[in-house]
C-alpha atoms as a PDB file:
ATOM      1  CA  MET A   1     223.663  22.527 164.273  1.00  0.00           C
ATOM      2  CA  ASN A   2     220.662  21.250 166.167  1.00  0.00           C
ATOM      3  CA  LEU A   3     221.545  20.292 169.745  1.00  0.00           C
ATOM      4  CA  GLN A   4     218.022  20.052 171.117  1.00  0.00           C
ATOM      5  CA  GLY A   5     217.334  16.770 172.823  1.00  0.00           C
ATOM      6  CA  LEU A   6     220.950  15.610 172.763  1.00  0.00           C
ATOM      7  CA  SER A   7     222.575  14.372 175.922  1.00  0.00           C
ATOM      8  CA  THR A   8     226.253  14.767 176.795  1.00  0.00           C
ATOM      9  CA  ILE A   9     228.487  11.945 175.510  1.00  0.00           C
ATOM     10  CA  HIS A  10     230.300  10.038 178.283  1.00  0.00           C
ATOM     11  CA  GLU A  11     231.716   7.039 176.381  1.00  0.00           C
ATOM     12  CA  SER A  12     234.565   6.223 173.987  1.00  0.00           C
ATOM     13  CA  THR A  13     234.265   8.406 170.919  1.00  0.00           C
ATOM     14  CA  LYS A  14     235.860   8.787 167.488  1.00  0.00           C
ATOM     15  CA  ILE A  15     235.878  12.253 165.903  1.00  0.00           C
ATOM     16  CA  THR A  16     236.529  13.160 162.278  1.00  0.00           C
ATOM     17  CA  MET A  17     237.170  16.818 161.424  1.00  0.00           C
ATOM     18  CA  ILE A  18     237.355  18.288 157.936  1.00  0.00           C
ATOM     19  CA  PHE A  19     238.392  21.934 157.658  1.00  0.00           C
ATOM     20  CA  ILE A  20     237.655  23.509 154.262  1.00  0.00           C
ATOM     21  CA  TYR A  21     239.126  26.941 153.544  1.00  0.00           C
ATOM     22  CA  PRO A  22     238.369  29.402 150.750  1.00  0.00           C
ATOM     23  CA  ARG A  23     240.676  28.864 147.768  1.00  0.00           C
ATOM     24  CA  PRO A  24     243.155  31.669 147.041  1.00  0.00           C
ATOM     25  CA  LYS A  25     242.263  33.537 143.832  1.00  0.00           C
ATOM     26  CA  ALA A  26     245.610  32.589 142.263  1.00  0.00           C
ATOM     27  CA  MET A  27     244.922  28.854 142.769  1.00  0.00           C
ATOM     28  CA  LYS A  28     243.114  27.278 139.821  1.00  0.00           C
ATOM     29  CA  GLY A  29     240.813  24.261 139.945  1.00  0.00           C
ATOM     30  CA  GLU A  30     237.501  23.110 141.333  1.00  0.00           C
ATOM     31  CA  THR A  31     238.413  20.074 143.441  1.00  0.00           C
ATOM     32  CA  LEU A  32     239.504  19.924 147.071  1.00  0.00           C
ATOM     33  CA  VAL A  33     243.249  20.487 147.493  1.00  0.00           C
ATOM     34  CA  ILE A  34     245.235  19.682 150.644  1.00  0.00           C
ATOM     35  CA  LYS A  35     246.083  22.872 152.569  1.00  0.00           C
ATOM     36  CA  ASP A  36     249.605  22.662 153.986  1.00  0.00           C
ATOM     37  CA  THR A  37     249.848  26.187 155.342  1.00  0.00           C
ATOM     38  CA  LYS A  38     248.764  27.831 158.601  1.00  0.00           C
ATOM     39  CA  PRO A  39     246.799  27.414 160.767  1.00  0.00           C
ATOM     40  CA  ASP A  40     248.437  24.305 162.197  1.00  0.00           C
ATOM     41  CA  ILE A  41     246.175  21.240 162.315  1.00  0.00           C
ATOM     42  CA  ASP A  42     246.851  20.666 166.027  1.00  0.00           C
ATOM     43  CA  ASN A  43     245.540  24.149 166.830  1.00  0.00           C
ATOM     44  CA  LEU A  44     242.398  23.537 164.769  1.00  0.00           C
ATOM     45  CA  VAL A  45     241.777  20.212 166.543  1.00  0.00           C
ATOM     46  CA  LYS A  46     242.310  21.778 169.976  1.00  0.00           C
ATOM     47  CA  THR A  47     239.815  24.546 169.153  1.00  0.00           C
ATOM     48  CA  VAL A  48     237.141  22.022 168.149  1.00  0.00           C
ATOM     49  CA  MET A  49     237.805  19.850 171.199  1.00  0.00           C
ATOM     50  CA  ASP A  50     237.491  22.859 173.513  1.00  0.00           C
ATOM     51  CA  ALA A  51     234.246  23.868 171.787  1.00  0.00           C
ATOM     52  CA  LEU A  52     232.747  20.360 172.079  1.00  0.00           C
ATOM     53  CA  THR A  53     233.611  20.230 175.763  1.00  0.00           C
ATOM     54  CA  GLY A  54     232.481  23.803 176.437  1.00  0.00           C
ATOM     55  CA  ALA A  55     229.137  23.153 174.740  1.00  0.00           C
ATOM     56  CA  THR A  56     228.801  19.947 176.829  1.00  0.00           C
ATOM     57  CA  ILE A  57     228.535  17.822 173.696  1.00  0.00           C
ATOM     58  CA  ILE A  58     231.246  15.618 175.161  1.00  0.00           C
ATOM     59  CA  ASN A  59     231.840  15.191 178.884  1.00  0.00           C
ATOM     60  CA  ASP A  60     235.627  15.472 178.728  1.00  0.00           C
ATOM     61  CA  ASP A  61     238.095  15.181 175.868  1.00  0.00           C
ATOM     62  CA  ASN A  62     239.728  12.197 177.589  1.00  0.00           C
ATOM     63  CA  ILE A  63     236.899  10.029 176.166  1.00  0.00           C
ATOM     64  CA  ILE A  64     238.160  10.668 172.625  1.00  0.00           C
ATOM     65  CA  THR A  65     239.962   7.520 171.493  1.00  0.00           C
ATOM     66  CA  SER A  66     240.463   8.394 167.811  1.00  0.00           C
ATOM     67  CA  ILE A  67     240.802  11.660 165.867  1.00  0.00           C
ATOM     68  CA  ASN A  68     241.111  12.110 162.109  1.00  0.00           C
ATOM     69  CA  ALA A  69     241.598  15.689 160.911  1.00  0.00           C
ATOM     70  CA  THR A  70     242.285  17.074 157.431  1.00  0.00           C
ATOM     71  CA  LYS A  71     242.381  20.611 156.035  1.00  0.00           C
ATOM     72  CA  TYR A  72     241.656  21.533 152.431  1.00  0.00           C
ATOM     73  CA  TYR A  73     241.167  24.435 150.094  1.00  0.00           C
ATOM     74  CA  GLY A  74     237.658  24.252 148.675  1.00  0.00           C
ATOM     75  CA  PRO A  75     236.476  24.868 145.122  1.00  0.00           C
ATOM     76  CA  ARG A  76     236.669  28.377 143.664  1.00  0.00           C
ATOM     77  CA  ASP A  77     234.200  30.845 145.274  1.00  0.00           C
ATOM     78  CA  TYR A  78     233.574  28.443 148.183  1.00  0.00           C
ATOM     79  CA  ALA A  79     233.112  30.219 151.522  1.00  0.00           C
ATOM     80  CA  GLY A  80     234.572  27.396 153.622  1.00  0.00           C
ATOM     81  CA  GLN A  81     233.254  25.256 156.466  1.00  0.00           C
ATOM     82  CA  THR A  82     234.184  22.804 159.193  1.00  0.00           C
ATOM     83  CA  GLU A  83     232.605  19.340 159.210  1.00  0.00           C
ATOM     84  CA  ILE A  84     232.645  17.338 162.456  1.00  0.00           C
ATOM     85  CA  THR A  85     231.520  13.715 162.676  1.00  0.00           C
ATOM     86  CA  ILE A  86     231.185  12.046 166.079  1.00  0.00           C
ATOM     87  CA  GLU A  87     230.966   8.232 166.315  1.00  0.00           C
ATOM     88  CA  THR A  88     230.032   6.643 169.602  1.00  0.00           C
ATOM     89  CA  PRO A  89     230.409   4.151 171.125  1.00  0.00           C
ATOM     90  CA  TYR A  90     233.814   3.601 169.569  1.00  0.00           C
ATOM     91  CA  ARG A  91     235.881   0.611 170.614  1.00  0.00           C
ATOM     92  CA  GLY A  92     238.544   0.632 167.888  1.00  0.00           C
ATOM     93  CA  ASP A  93     238.947  -1.174 164.586  1.00  0.00           C
ATOM     94  CA  ASN A  94     240.029  -4.493 166.129  1.00  0.00           C
ATOM     95  CA  GLU A  95     236.822  -5.156 168.036  1.00  0.00           C
END
């Protein structure tokens, strides 16, 4: 991630998080599959929010007005990753 030249976000923000885990060897297939086992999604979200605040990417997590988070198993032999998308300013879908 390249943070050079970025300033801290102080306005309403929407965050999308996609957590992709390595697929267990016993699980067949090559497409993304919903992961409904630990870790809990709320713990994953909290970890990302703490990291964004700690790295001063966002001023305070109270500016977050929308969060979408999903966790998957990736394709076979996939190492895994976390994708974070930040949209700002975010005023909601009705505006």
